[in-house]
């Protein structure tokens, strides 16, 4: 059996309270499909980087992490912009 590649998708999040539930639902479907087809490892992750949000984004991220091991979170104290959020996720 061939070893699947582990991937991590980094998603910068700034004040995403309204759309994060739908975004996360779609990511679960897509990642699950890729895992079922054996295209990616079941150890793959979605890293949600809270980029200084002032709404409930971080609360939603922590809830997603508790519900589904696919999700992990990083919290930036203040808004650094999407490129810096991506860099934070890579580190």
Protein backbone atom coordinates (compact mmCIF):
# COMPACT_ATOMS: atom_id res chain seq x y z
CA UNK A 1 0.00 0.00 0.00
CA UNK A 2 1.31 3.45 -0.94
CA UNK A 3 1.82 6.01 1.81
CA UNK A 4 -0.46 9.05 1.44
CA UNK A 5 0.87 12.57 1.76
CA UNK A 6 -0.07 14.55 4.83
CA UNK A 7 -1.27 18.04 3.97
CA UNK A 8 -2.08 21.08 6.05
CA UNK A 9 -4.37 23.79 4.79
CA UNK A 10 -3.80 27.17 6.40
CA UNK A 11 -6.83 29.46 6.52
CA UNK A 12 -6.34 33.07 7.68
CA UNK A 13 -9.45 34.18 9.60
CA UNK A 14 -10.32 37.79 10.43
CA UNK A 15 -13.84 38.43 11.74
CA UNK A 16 -15.21 35.29 10.06
CA UNK A 17 -17.96 34.54 12.57
CA UNK A 18 -20.71 34.63 9.94
CA UNK A 19 -19.02 32.42 7.34
CA UNK A 20 -16.77 30.10 9.36
CA UNK A 21 -19.48 27.49 10.02
CA UNK A 22 -20.11 27.06 6.27
CA UNK A 23 -16.41 27.24 5.38
CA UNK A 24 -15.55 24.56 7.94
CA UNK A 25 -18.42 22.34 6.76
CA UNK A 26 -17.12 22.50 3.18
CA UNK A 27 -13.55 21.81 4.30
CA UNK A 28 -14.69 18.72 6.23
CA UNK A 29 -16.44 17.40 3.12
CA UNK A 30 -13.48 18.07 0.81
CA UNK A 31 -10.82 16.72 3.18
CA UNK A 32 -12.96 13.67 3.98
CA UNK A 33 -13.39 12.94 0.28
CA UNK A 34 -9.65 13.16 -0.34
CA UNK A 35 -8.96 10.89 2.64
CA UNK A 36 -11.56 8.32 1.53
CA UNK A 37 -9.96 8.18 -1.92
CA UNK A 38 -6.56 7.60 -0.34
CA UNK A 39 -5.17 10.78 -1.86
CA UNK A 40 -4.13 12.33 1.46
CA UNK A 41 -3.27 10.99 4.88
CA UNK A 42 -5.87 10.87 7.64
CA UNK A 43 -3.35 12.89 9.69
CA UNK A 44 -3.93 15.90 7.43
CA UNK A 45 -5.10 19.12 9.11
CA UNK A 46 -6.85 22.41 8.58
CA UNK A 47 -5.11 25.18 10.54
CA UNK A 48 -7.37 28.16 11.20
CA UNK A 49 -5.33 31.26 12.06
CA UNK A 50 -7.36 33.85 13.94
CA UNK A 51 -5.88 37.15 12.79
CA UNK A 52 -6.91 39.46 15.63
CA UNK A 53 -10.66 39.07 15.14
CA UNK A 54 -12.98 41.21 17.27
CA UNK A 55 -15.98 38.90 16.85
CA UNK A 56 -16.53 35.26 17.95
CA UNK A 57 -14.12 33.79 15.38
CA UNK A 58 -11.71 32.40 18.00
CA UNK A 59 -14.58 30.88 19.99
CA UNK A 60 -15.76 29.11 16.83
CA UNK A 61 -12.25 27.89 16.04
CA UNK A 62 -11.82 26.39 19.52
CA UNK A 63 -15.24 24.76 19.20
CA UNK A 64 -14.30 23.23 15.84
CA UNK A 65 -11.08 21.89 17.34
CA UNK A 66 -12.99 20.23 20.19
CA UNK A 67 -15.52 18.67 17.78
CA UNK A 68 -13.19 17.50 15.03
CA UNK A 69 -9.47 16.60 15.19
CA UNK A 70 -9.13 17.81 11.59
CA UNK A 71 -9.11 21.41 12.87
CA UNK A 72 -6.38 23.18 14.78
CA UNK A 73 -6.11 26.85 15.65
CA UNK A 74 -3.57 29.60 16.14
CA UNK A 75 -4.52 32.92 17.72
CA UNK A 76 -2.78 36.17 16.80
CA UNK A 77 -3.47 38.89 19.37
CA UNK A 78 -3.89 41.65 16.79
CA UNK A 79 -4.54 41.86 13.08
CA UNK A 80 -1.36 41.25 11.10
CA UNK A 81 -2.86 40.76 7.65
CA UNK A 82 -3.43 37.58 5.62
CA UNK A 83 0.19 37.10 4.55
CA UNK A 84 1.46 37.24 8.13
CA UNK A 85 -1.36 34.92 9.22
CA UNK A 86 -0.19 32.44 6.57
CA UNK A 87 3.39 32.74 7.80
CA UNK A 88 2.24 32.19 11.40
CA UNK A 89 0.47 29.03 10.24
CA UNK A 90 3.61 27.77 8.50
CA UNK A 91 5.67 28.26 11.63
